Amino acid sequence: MKIREILNSVNIINIKGDMDRDVSSIHYDSRRLGYDSLFVAVKGLKSDGHNFLEKAIKSGAKGIVLQAERFKELNGFNGIDATYIGVHDSRKTLAIISDTFYGHPSKNMAVIGITGTNGKTTTSYLIDSVLKKNDFETGIVGTINYRFDGEIIPALHTTPESLDLQCLLKKMVDRGIKYCVMEVSSHSLELDRVYGVRFETGVFTNLTQDHLDFHITFEKYFDAKAKLFREYGLKKAVINIDDIYGKRLLRDIGADKILTYGITEKADVIARDIVISMQGLKFKVESPIGEFGIRSKLIGRHNVYNILASIATAILEELSEKCIVEGILSTNGIPGRLEKIDEGQDFTVLVDYAHTDDALKNVLKSARELPHNKLILVFGCGGDRDKGKRPLMGRVGIAYSDFVIITSDNPRSEEPLEIIEEIERGVKLMGANEERYIKIPDRREAIELSIRKASNGDIVVIAGKGHEDYQIIGDKKNHFDDREVAIEAIRKNKRIKESKNRKIFSL
């Protein structure tokens, strides 16, 4: 494809070289460049593609797209056979030309975008299940993985970079996928990763504090989420109006069809007579297509909201009540979302991805609604991320648990004990004495202690990492899976107890 054709929809400020060159691929990572490729220099959070222009050319790039203000840096590249294009915003340009290069794939499928602080992953699984019950071929782009037509791709980001996303959507279209259910992060909206994607439906779950290390203020965080509804020409929208920011969003949505959902507010889709147990959820739904009963294997009151979001989306897609009911019932546990670890022990172990104060509160409140004796919590906070939520999570943890083990999450470049002490400040503000909590930086040791402390009828919640199978300490990414560690700890604990019982019996 010619450079001129690829950049046809872009406002070009500077050109140096032949625009009729043919290029066979586009890249934003200079390490992936091959012969006859087009390199787009993008300034990232940690590195800047403009620092790798010479490397890109030596690697075979025949075209370079860069910020117009950096064009003067090309003076030293005289005599090098390449085409240079200066643009106002190279990141947005990457999104535009990626969409063009891959043939505008989102025009050929229905894309459902889900945004909000919590509930995106579970809601995406539920919507996917309901669509499948109607025999639609579906694809999912989200936190756990990207998958379609039997193919599973590990997720590096909740929402991929624009080039990778458009490539993924093109593959889906080529495989006959009719619906793509996509988690849309605030980063992806702010960094234009989804720019150019034609969303048919937008779903808003909720908004609570997170990512303020990136967005700086809560209002900017809300504005980033709101972009999906304000700037993407949605045909349909689904909004949680039990959430105060959902109500705000409702005032300036331009979608043709809108459905609201909730439990406490008067919404279009409402849950009534909610019954919560260790086996799942049961409730009645009042909706524009009538009243019907719902059963789900998912645990916790917060999942009622996720189910309502999926029901409202399905109604907008004109799916039948039968498909909705069966699709929700057939949705089994979502990896790392109140995932039950069952090794035959006489207490309950739940692993969850909750890594904000609101998500942790929802998980712990849901756990407390289940039959239990003591509730033991293991959690930490990620390093190099929003520091403001650490004491907030400490307050929530101690308020809704009987005993708390504060540990490491992904400390990254920060000192684990310093993160733990910031969490502890919130615990102390609640007046908790040291009999109610302990600090153990080693996450494996913390999980093992929680299992040893658990007795018949107790609930252990291991929060923060959920489905993740790694832990980042410094610049090293080590294999670590809370679920695996919990299973090992339960089995080890059983062996110790059995050994003690044998000794007592032999006496």
Protein backbone atom coordinates (compact mmCIF):
# COMPACT_ATOMS: atom_id res chain seq x y z
CA MET A 1 0.00 0.00 0.00
CA LYS A 2 1.35 3.44 -0.89
CA ILE A 3 2.24 5.91 1.86
CA ARG A 4 -0.04 8.48 0.22
CA GLU A 5 -3.02 6.09 0.46
CA ILE A 6 -2.29 5.17 4.07
CA LEU A 7 -2.14 8.82 5.14
CA ASN A 8 -5.04 9.96 2.98
CA SER A 9 -7.18 10.94 6.01
CA VAL A 10 -4.37 12.63 7.94
CA ASN A 11 -3.68 16.37 8.10
CA ILE A 12 -0.02 16.46 7.04
CA ILE A 13 2.15 19.44 8.05
CA ASN A 14 5.55 18.51 6.56
CA ILE A 15 6.64 16.13 3.79
CA LYS A 16 10.14 15.18 2.74
CA GLY A 17 10.47 12.42 0.15
CA ASP A 18 8.34 10.29 -2.16
CA MET A 19 4.76 9.72 -0.95
CA ASP A 20 4.18 7.02 -3.60
CA ARG A 21 6.49 4.50 -1.98
CA ASP A 22 4.93 1.13 -1.22
CA VAL A 23 5.10 -0.11 2.38
CA SER A 24 4.11 -3.56 3.57
CA SER A 25 3.67 -2.95 7.31
CA ILE A 26 3.28 -0.28 9.99
CA HIS A 27 5.15 -0.25 13.32
CA TYR A 28 5.48 1.98 16.38
CA ASP A 29 8.17 -0.25 17.96
CA SER A 30 11.54 0.15 16.22
CA ARG A 31 12.54 -3.36 17.37
CA ARG A 32 9.88 -4.92 15.14
CA LEU A 33 10.67 -3.08 11.93
CA GLY A 34 11.35 -4.92 8.71
CA TYR A 35 12.09 -3.99 5.12
CA ASP A 36 9.58 -1.66 3.40
CA SER A 37 7.84 -0.69 6.64
CA LEU A 38 6.34 2.58 7.88
CA PHE A 39 7.52 3.69 11.32
CA VAL A 40 5.34 5.96 13.46
CA ALA A 41 7.32 7.73 16.20
CA VAL A 42 5.13 7.99 19.29
CA LYS A 43 6.04 9.45 22.67
CA GLY A 44 5.17 6.86 25.30
CA LEU A 45 5.07 6.94 29.08
CA LYS A 46 8.60 5.54 29.39
CA SER A 47 10.26 6.01 25.99
CA ASP A 48 9.97 8.20 22.91
CA GLY A 49 9.94 6.75 19.39
CA HIS A 50 11.56 9.94 18.11
CA ASN A 51 14.78 8.80 19.77
CA PHE A 52 14.90 5.77 17.46
CA LEU A 53 14.48 7.35 14.02
CA GLU A 54 17.96 6.46 12.79
CA LYS A 55 17.58 2.90 14.08
CA ALA A 56 14.22 2.66 12.27
CA ILE A 57 15.76 3.67 8.95
CA LYS A 58 18.67 1.27 9.35
CA SER A 59 16.13 -1.49 10.09
CA GLY A 60 14.44 -0.98 6.72
CA ALA A 61 11.78 1.67 7.30
CA LYS A 62 10.89 3.42 4.03
CA GLY A 63 8.61 5.95 5.70
CA ILE A 64 8.73 7.84 9.02
CA VAL A 65 5.78 9.61 10.62
CA LEU A 66 6.77 12.01 13.41
CA GLN A 67 5.67 15.08 15.31
CA ALA A 68 6.00 18.15 13.07
CA GLU A 69 7.97 20.04 15.74
CA ARG A 70 10.63 17.30 15.61
CA PHE A 71 11.05 17.63 11.83
CA LYS A 72 14.14 19.83 12.19
CA GLU A 73 15.94 16.88 13.76
CA LEU A 74 15.99 15.23 10.32
CA ASN A 75 18.72 17.59 9.05
CA GLY A 76 21.37 15.02 9.86
CA PHE A 77 19.58 12.35 7.82
CA ASN A 78 20.40 13.84 4.39
CA GLY A 79 21.17 11.21 1.79
CA ILE A 80 19.17 8.50 3.55
CA ASP A 81 16.51 7.11 1.22
CA ALA A 82 13.23 7.43 3.14
CA THR A 83 10.04 9.50 3.22
CA TYR A 84 9.35 11.72 6.24
CA ILE A 85 5.91 13.00 7.22
CA GLY A 86 5.37 15.57 9.98
CA VAL A 87 1.98 15.60 11.71
CA HIS A 88 0.35 17.46 14.58
CA ASP A 89 -0.31 14.32 16.67
CA SER A 90 1.62 11.17 15.78
CA ARG A 91 -0.27 9.04 18.32
CA LYS A 92 -3.66 9.91 16.85
CA THR A 93 -2.18 9.53 13.36
CA LEU A 94 -1.12 5.98 14.28
CA ALA A 95 -4.75 5.20 15.13
CA ILE A 96 -6.09 6.73 11.91
CA ILE A 97 -3.64 5.02 9.56
CA SER A 98 -3.94 1.68 11.38
CA ASP A 99 -7.67 1.75 10.74
CA THR A 100 -7.03 2.61 7.07
CA PHE A 101 -4.25 0.03 6.60
CA TYR A 102 -6.42 -2.80 7.93
CA GLY A 103 -9.47 -1.81 5.88
CA HIS A 104 -11.66 -0.20 8.58
CA PRO A 105 -12.54 -3.55 10.23
CA SER A 106 -14.95 -2.14 12.82
CA LYS A 107 -17.27 -1.14 9.94
CA ASN A 108 -17.88 -4.84 9.36
CA MET A 109 -18.86 -5.91 12.87
CA ALA A 110 -20.79 -4.61 15.86
CA VAL A 111 -18.38 -3.37 18.54
CA ILE A 112 -19.66 -3.12 22.11
CA GLY A 113 -17.39 -1.00 24.33
CA ILE A 114 -17.49 -1.35 28.11
CA THR A 115 -15.91 1.30 30.31
CA GLY A 116 -15.88 2.06 34.03
CA THR A 117 -13.59 1.44 36.98
CA ASN A 118 -14.94 -1.95 38.04
CA GLY A 119 -16.93 -4.73 36.40
CA LYS A 120 -15.70 -4.43 32.81
CA THR A 121 -14.29 -7.95 32.57
CA THR A 122 -17.25 -9.74 34.16
CA THR A 123 -19.73 -7.72 32.09
CA SER A 124 -17.83 -8.58 28.91
CA TYR A 125 -17.99 -12.30 29.73
CA LEU A 126 -21.73 -12.09 30.41
CA ILE A 127 -22.49 -10.18 27.18
CA ASP A 128 -20.34 -12.62 25.23
CA SER A 129 -22.23 -15.58 26.71
CA VAL A 130 -25.65 -14.10 25.90
CA LEU A 131 -24.60 -13.33 22.31
CA LYS A 132 -23.30 -16.88 21.89
CA LYS A 133 -26.68 -18.23 23.02
CA ASN A 134 -28.11 -16.40 20.02
CA ASP A 135 -25.53 -18.20 17.80
CA PHE A 136 -23.46 -15.09 17.08
CA GLU A 137 -19.73 -15.48 16.44
CA THR A 138 -18.03 -13.27 19.02
CA GLY A 139 -14.63 -11.93 20.01
CA ILE A 140 -13.45 -10.42 23.29
CA VAL A 141 -10.78 -7.79 23.93
CA GLY A 142 -10.06 -7.33 27.61
CA THR A 143 -7.94 -7.50 30.73
CA ILE A 144 -7.56 -11.28 30.89
CA ASN A 145 -6.92 -11.99 27.20
CA TYR A 146 -8.02 -11.32 23.62
CA ARG A 147 -9.90 -14.27 22.14
CA PHE A 148 -11.97 -15.24 19.11
CA ASP A 149 -12.70 -18.34 17.06
CA GLY A 150 -10.79 -20.59 19.46
CA GLU A 151 -7.67 -18.38 19.44
CA ILE A 152 -6.45 -16.92 22.76
CA ILE A 153 -3.88 -14.11 22.84
CA PRO A 154 -2.36 -12.95 26.16
CA ALA A 155 -3.35 -9.38 27.04
CA LEU A 156 -0.52 -6.87 27.52
CA HIS A 157 -3.02 -4.07 28.14
CA THR A 158 -6.76 -4.06 28.86
CA THR A 159 -7.10 -2.30 25.48
CA PRO A 160 -4.22 -2.79 23.00
CA GLU A 161 -2.33 -0.02 21.21
CA SER A 162 -4.28 1.23 18.17
CA LEU A 163 -2.16 -0.61 15.59
CA ASP A 164 -2.44 -3.92 17.46
CA LEU A 165 -6.15 -3.37 18.05
CA GLN A 166 -6.95 -2.74 14.39
CA CYS A 167 -4.89 -5.80 13.40
CA LEU A 168 -6.87 -7.84 15.93
CA LEU A 169 -10.21 -6.54 14.65
CA LYS A 170 -9.16 -7.35 11.07
CA LYS A 171 -8.40 -10.95 12.09
CA MET A 172 -11.82 -11.16 13.73
CA VAL A 173 -13.59 -9.91 10.61
CA ASP A 174 -11.64 -12.38 8.46
CA ARG A 175 -12.79 -15.20 10.76
CA GLY A 176 -16.45 -14.21 10.49
CA ILE A 177 -16.82 -12.55 13.90
CA LYS A 178 -20.03 -10.50 14.07
CA TYR A 179 -19.66 -8.97 17.55
CA CYS A 180 -16.58 -7.71 19.35
CA VAL A 181 -17.05 -7.11 23.08
CA MET A 182 -14.28 -4.76 24.19
CA GLU A 183 -13.14 -3.47 27.57
CA VAL A 184 -12.28 0.19 26.99
CA SER A 185 -9.84 1.55 29.56
CA SER A 186 -9.46 5.22 30.45
CA HIS A 187 -5.85 5.02 29.22
CA SER A 188 -7.03 3.78 25.81
CA LEU A 189 -9.46 6.68 25.49
CA GLU A 190 -6.98 9.31 26.66
CA LEU A 191 -4.14 7.89 24.53
CA ASP A 192 -6.32 7.43 21.41
CA ARG A 193 -5.81 3.66 21.25
CA VAL A 194 -9.46 3.22 20.24
CA TYR A 195 -9.60 6.30 18.00
CA GLY A 196 -11.07 5.20 14.67
CA VAL A 197 -13.00 2.26 16.14
CA ARG A 198 -16.70 2.49 15.28
CA PHE A 199 -18.48 1.53 18.49
CA GLU A 200 -22.12 0.61 18.10
CA THR A 201 -22.87 0.37 21.83
CA GLY A 202 -21.23 1.87 24.92
CA VAL A 203 -21.68 0.47 28.44
CA PHE A 204 -20.84 2.46 31.58
CA THR A 205 -20.43 0.39 34.77
CA ASN A 206 -19.30 2.82 37.50
CA LEU A 207 -16.56 5.27 38.44
CA THR A 208 -14.40 5.23 41.58
CA GLN A 209 -10.83 6.32 42.31
CA ASP A 210 -8.12 4.69 40.22
CA HIS A 211 -5.31 5.68 37.84
CA LEU A 212 -4.88 9.17 39.33
CA ASP A 213 -1.14 8.69 38.85
CA PHE A 214 -1.98 9.08 35.14
CA HIS A 215 -5.08 11.29 35.05
CA ILE A 216 -4.01 13.48 38.04
CA THR A 217 -7.57 14.53 39.00
CA PHE A 218 -10.79 12.58 39.36
CA GLU A 219 -12.57 14.97 37.00
CA LYS A 220 -10.00 14.26 34.26
CA TYR A 221 -10.46 10.54 34.93
CA PHE A 222 -14.23 10.96 34.43
CA ASP A 223 -13.70 13.03 31.28
CA ALA A 224 -11.51 10.26 29.83
CA LYS A 225 -14.21 7.65 30.44
CA ALA A 226 -16.90 9.99 29.12
CA LYS A 227 -15.12 10.30 25.76
CA LEU A 228 -16.59 6.98 24.68
CA PHE A 229 -20.10 8.44 25.02
CA ARG A 230 -19.38 12.00 23.92
CA GLU A 231 -17.05 11.56 20.95
CA TYR A 232 -17.60 8.16 19.33
CA GLY A 233 -21.04 8.54 17.75
CA LEU A 234 -22.66 5.67 19.63
CA LYS A 235 -25.97 4.32 18.39
CA LYS A 236 -26.79 2.71 21.74
CA ALA A 237 -25.77 3.27 25.36
CA VAL A 238 -26.22 1.38 28.63
CA ILE A 239 -25.72 3.37 31.85
CA ASN A 240 -25.63 2.45 35.55
CA ILE A 241 -27.65 5.25 37.17
CA ASP A 242 -27.07 4.01 40.70
CA ASP A 243 -23.64 5.55 40.12
CA ILE A 244 -23.50 9.35 40.47
CA TYR A 245 -21.21 9.63 37.43
CA GLY A 246 -23.61 7.48 35.44
CA LYS A 247 -26.30 10.08 36.13
CA ARG A 248 -23.96 12.85 34.98
CA LEU A 249 -23.11 10.94 31.84
CA LEU A 250 -26.78 10.41 31.04
CA ARG A 251 -27.24 14.17 30.59
CA ASP A 252 -24.92 14.50 27.60
CA ILE A 253 -25.12 11.22 25.69
CA GLY A 254 -25.99 11.52 22.02
CA ALA A 255 -26.92 7.88 21.42
CA ASP A 256 -30.21 7.10 19.65
CA LYS A 257 -31.17 4.33 22.10
CA ILE A 258 -30.34 4.43 25.81
CA LEU A 259 -31.16 1.97 28.58
CA THR A 260 -30.38 2.60 32.24
CA TYR A 261 -29.94 -0.04 34.92
CA GLY A 262 -29.72 -0.16 38.69
CA ILE A 263 -30.95 -1.59 41.96
CA THR A 264 -31.76 1.47 44.08
CA GLU A 265 -32.73 4.03 41.42
CA LYS A 266 -35.71 3.91 39.07
CA ALA A 267 -34.00 2.54 35.98
CA ASP A 268 -35.15 0.85 32.76
CA VAL A 269 -33.67 -2.47 33.90
CA ILE A 270 -34.02 -3.13 37.64
CA ALA A 271 -33.21 -6.05 39.94
CA ARG A 272 -35.70 -7.05 42.64
CA ASP A 273 -35.84 -9.72 45.38
CA ILE A 274 -32.11 -10.44 45.31
CA VAL A 275 -31.00 -13.69 46.96
CA ILE A 276 -27.25 -14.18 47.52
CA SER A 277 -25.64 -17.50 48.43
CA MET A 278 -22.38 -19.40 48.03
CA GLN A 279 -24.00 -21.10 45.02
CA GLY A 280 -24.66 -17.82 43.22
CA LEU A 281 -27.39 -15.24 42.65
CA LYS A 282 -31.13 -15.31 42.15
CA PHE A 283 -33.34 -12.28 41.47
CA LYS A 284 -36.18 -10.85 39.41
CA VAL A 285 -35.65 -8.37 36.59
CA GLU A 286 -38.09 -5.66 35.53
CA SER A 287 -37.31 -4.50 32.01
CA PRO A 288 -38.79 -3.08 28.79
CA ILE A 289 -39.35 -6.67 27.57
CA GLY A 290 -41.16 -7.70 30.74
CA GLU A 291 -40.39 -9.28 34.10
CA PHE A 292 -38.38 -12.48 34.32
CA GLY A 293 -36.24 -14.44 36.75
CA ILE A 294 -32.45 -14.67 36.66
CA ARG A 295 -30.15 -17.30 38.12
CA SER A 296 -26.38 -16.96 38.03
CA LYS A 297 -23.39 -18.93 39.29
CA LEU A 298 -21.58 -15.66 40.01
CA ILE A 299 -21.15 -14.67 43.66
CA GLY A 300 -21.77 -11.26 45.20
CA ARG A 301 -24.15 -8.31 45.07
CA HIS A 302 -21.80 -6.31 42.84
CA ASN A 303 -22.29 -8.97 40.17
CA VAL A 304 -26.00 -8.13 40.09
CA TYR A 305 -24.93 -4.84 38.47
CA ASN A 306 -22.74 -6.63 35.94
CA ILE A 307 -25.62 -8.95 35.05
CA LEU A 308 -28.02 -6.00 34.68
CA ALA A 309 -25.54 -4.29 32.33
CA SER A 310 -25.42 -7.40 30.17
CA ILE A 311 -29.23 -7.71 30.17
CA ALA A 312 -29.69 -4.07 29.09
CA THR A 313 -27.12 -4.55 26.31
CA ALA A 314 -28.87 -7.72 25.13
CA ILE A 315 -32.24 -5.93 25.08
CA LEU A 316 -30.78 -3.17 22.89
CA GLU A 317 -29.51 -5.91 20.57
CA GLU A 318 -33.09 -7.27 20.48
CA LEU A 319 -32.11 -10.66 21.89
CA SER A 320 -34.81 -12.86 23.38
CA GLU A 321 -35.53 -13.35 27.07
CA LYS A 322 -34.64 -17.04 26.62
CA CYS A 323 -31.16 -16.20 25.27
CA ILE A 324 -30.60 -13.70 28.08
CA VAL A 325 -31.62 -16.09 30.87
CA GLU A 326 -29.67 -19.04 29.43
CA GLY A 327 -26.61 -16.95 28.59
CA ILE A 328 -26.32 -15.61 32.13
CA LEU A 329 -26.88 -19.00 33.73
CA SER A 330 -24.22 -20.60 31.53
CA THR A 331 -21.59 -18.01 32.52
CA ASN A 332 -19.33 -19.84 34.93
CA GLY A 333 -16.85 -18.16 37.25
CA ILE A 334 -14.62 -15.56 35.61
CA PRO A 335 -10.87 -16.09 36.19
CA GLY A 336 -9.71 -14.12 39.22
CA ARG A 337 -13.12 -12.60 39.93
CA LEU A 338 -14.28 -14.00 43.29
CA GLU A 339 -12.83 -17.26 42.01
CA LYS A 340 -13.37 -20.06 44.50
CA ILE A 341 -10.40 -22.27 45.40
CA ASP A 342 -11.79 -25.62 46.47
CA GLU A 343 -9.46 -28.36 47.69
CA GLY A 344 -12.05 -29.88 50.01
CA GLN A 345 -11.08 -27.62 52.92
CA ASP A 346 -13.67 -26.68 55.56
CA PHE A 347 -13.35 -22.95 54.85
CA THR A 348 -13.82 -20.81 51.72
CA VAL A 349 -10.99 -19.22 49.74
CA LEU A 350 -11.82 -16.53 47.17
CA VAL A 351 -9.30 -14.90 44.80
CA ASP A 352 -10.25 -11.54 43.31
CA TYR A 353 -8.72 -8.82 41.13
CA ALA A 354 -10.03 -6.00 43.37
CA HIS A 355 -7.31 -3.35 43.36
CA THR A 356 -9.26 -0.17 44.15
CA ASP A 357 -10.93 0.79 47.42
CA ASP A 358 -14.41 0.55 45.88
CA ALA A 359 -13.75 -2.84 44.26
CA LEU A 360 -12.32 -4.15 47.54
CA LYS A 361 -15.34 -2.83 49.43
CA ASN A 362 -17.72 -4.55 46.99
CA VAL A 363 -15.85 -7.86 47.24
CA LEU A 364 -15.68 -7.79 51.04
CA LYS A 365 -19.33 -6.76 51.42
CA SER A 366 -20.28 -9.59 49.06
CA ALA A 367 -18.19 -12.03 51.10
CA ARG A 368 -19.79 -10.85 54.34
CA GLU A 369 -23.24 -11.56 52.93
CA LEU A 370 -22.25 -15.23 52.63
CA PRO A 371 -22.47 -17.57 55.65
CA HIS A 372 -19.17 -17.32 57.53
CA ASN A 373 -17.41 -17.11 60.87
CA LYS A 374 -14.29 -14.95 60.42
CA LEU A 375 -13.31 -13.05 57.27
CA ILE A 376 -9.55 -12.98 56.63
CA LEU A 377 -8.18 -10.61 53.98
CA VAL A 378 -4.82 -10.70 52.16
CA PHE A 379 -4.02 -7.71 49.94
CA GLY A 380 -1.47 -5.10 48.88
CA CYS A 381 -1.21 -2.21 46.42
CA GLY A 382 0.77 -1.95 43.20
CA GLY A 383 3.93 0.13 43.03
CA ASP A 384 4.36 3.04 40.60
CA ARG A 385 0.60 3.47 40.56
CA ASP A 386 -1.98 5.76 42.20
CA LYS A 387 -0.59 6.25 45.73
CA GLY A 388 -3.68 8.06 46.96
CA LYS A 389 -5.77 4.89 47.04
CA ARG A 390 -3.41 3.02 49.39
CA PRO A 391 -4.70 4.38 52.73
CA LEU A 392 -8.24 4.22 51.33
CA MET A 393 -7.82 0.51 50.66
CA GLY A 394 -6.37 0.08 54.15
CA ARG A 395 -9.47 1.68 55.67
CA VAL A 396 -11.81 -0.49 53.61
CA GLY A 397 -9.83 -3.65 54.32
CA ILE A 398 -9.91 -3.30 58.09
CA ALA A 399 -13.52 -2.04 58.13
CA TYR A 400 -14.94 -5.09 56.37
CA SER A 401 -12.58 -7.86 57.58
CA ASP A 402 -11.94 -9.55 60.91
CA PHE A 403 -8.23 -9.95 60.25
CA VAL A 404 -6.05 -8.33 57.58
CA ILE A 405 -2.68 -9.41 56.22
CA ILE A 406 -1.09 -6.48 54.38
CA THR A 407 1.41 -7.69 51.81
CA SER A 408 3.00 -6.86 48.46
CA ASP A 409 1.14 -6.74 45.14
CA ASN A 410 3.40 -5.74 42.23
CA PRO A 411 5.82 -3.37 44.02
CA ARG A 412 7.69 -2.60 40.79
CA SER A 413 10.37 0.04 41.47
CA GLU A 414 9.06 0.99 44.91
CA GLU A 415 10.17 -0.39 48.26
CA PRO A 416 7.51 -2.96 49.33
CA LEU A 417 7.57 -1.91 53.00
CA GLU A 418 6.97 1.73 52.09
CA ILE A 419 3.84 0.76 50.14
CA ILE A 420 2.67 -1.40 53.04
CA GLU A 421 3.19 1.48 55.50
CA GLU A 422 1.06 3.78 53.32
CA ILE A 423 -1.71 1.16 53.41
CA GLU A 424 -1.23 0.82 57.18
CA ARG A 425 -1.92 4.53 57.67
CA GLY A 426 -5.49 3.93 56.54
CA VAL A 427 -5.79 0.93 58.87
CA LYS A 428 -4.62 2.99 61.85
CA LEU A 429 -7.05 5.79 61.01
CA MET A 430 -9.81 3.25 61.69
CA GLY A 431 -8.42 2.72 65.19
CA ALA A 432 -7.42 -0.89 64.57
CA ASN A 433 -4.93 -2.41 66.99
CA GLU A 434 -2.19 -4.82 65.95
CA GLU A 435 -4.25 -7.83 66.98
CA ARG A 436 -6.40 -7.22 63.90
CA TYR A 437 -3.71 -7.00 61.25
CA ILE A 438 -0.17 -7.98 60.37
CA LYS A 439 2.37 -6.83 57.76
CA ILE A 440 4.11 -9.53 55.70
CA PRO A 441 5.93 -8.21 52.59
CA ASP A 442 6.38 -11.69 51.06
CA ARG A 443 3.08 -12.43 49.30
CA ARG A 444 3.56 -16.20 49.38
CA GLU A 445 4.15 -16.13 53.14
CA ALA A 446 1.10 -13.89 53.56
CA ILE A 447 -1.17 -16.30 51.66
CA GLU A 448 0.23 -19.29 53.57
CA LEU A 449 -0.47 -17.54 56.89
CA SER A 450 -4.06 -16.78 55.86
CA ILE A 451 -4.64 -20.47 55.15
CA ARG A 452 -3.08 -21.53 58.47
CA LYS A 453 -5.25 -19.04 60.37
CA ALA A 454 -8.49 -20.12 58.66
CA SER A 455 -10.87 -22.36 60.60
CA ASN A 456 -14.10 -24.17 59.83
CA GLY A 457 -16.61 -21.78 58.23
CA ASP A 458 -14.17 -18.90 57.70
CA ILE A 459 -13.73 -16.99 54.43
CA VAL A 460 -10.29 -16.03 53.12
CA VAL A 461 -10.22 -13.30 50.45
CA ILE A 462 -6.96 -12.90 48.51
CA ALA A 463 -7.31 -9.61 46.64
CA GLY A 464 -5.45 -7.49 44.11
CA LYS A 465 -3.99 -9.78 41.46
CA GLY A 466 -6.84 -12.08 40.49
CA HIS A 467 -6.08 -13.76 37.16
CA GLU A 468 -2.50 -12.47 36.97
CA ASP A 469 0.19 -15.16 36.86
CA TYR A 470 3.14 -12.91 37.62
CA GLN A 471 4.57 -10.54 40.22
CA ILE A 472 6.72 -7.56 39.26
CA ILE A 473 9.50 -6.81 41.75
CA GLY A 474 11.95 -4.15 40.58
CA ASP A 475 12.35 -4.71 36.85
CA LYS A 476 11.83 -8.48 37.10
CA LYS A 477 8.58 -10.22 36.21
CA ASN A 478 8.41 -13.50 38.13
CA HIS A 479 5.82 -16.25 37.83
CA PHE A 480 3.32 -15.91 40.67
CA ASP A 481 -0.33 -16.95 40.70
CA ASP A 482 -2.43 -16.36 43.84
CA ARG A 483 -4.60 -19.34 42.92
CA GLU A 484 -1.65 -21.72 42.62
CA VAL A 485 -0.10 -20.47 45.86
CA ALA A 486 -3.43 -20.84 47.69
CA ILE A 487 -3.85 -24.42 46.45
CA GLU A 488 -0.29 -25.29 47.51
CA ALA A 489 -0.89 -23.71 50.93
CA ILE A 490 -4.16 -25.59 51.47
CA ARG A 491 -2.56 -28.90 50.54
CA LYS A 492 0.45 -28.20 52.74
CA ASN A 493 -1.83 -27.27 55.64
CA LYS A 494 -3.78 -30.50 55.17
CA ARG A 495 -0.59 -32.57 55.25
CA ILE A 496 0.54 -30.90 58.48
CA LYS A 497 -2.84 -31.49 60.13
CA GLU A 498 -2.95 -35.10 58.96
CA SER A 499 0.56 -35.66 60.28
CA LYS A 500 -0.40 -34.22 63.68
CA ASN A 501 -3.54 -36.37 63.78
CA ARG A 502 -1.50 -39.50 63.03
CA LYS A 503 0.87 -38.69 65.88
CA ILE A 504 -2.02 -38.14 68.29
CA PHE A 505 -3.68 -41.38 67.14
CA SER A 506 -0.44 -43.35 67.57
CA LEU A 507 -0.17 -42.12 71.15
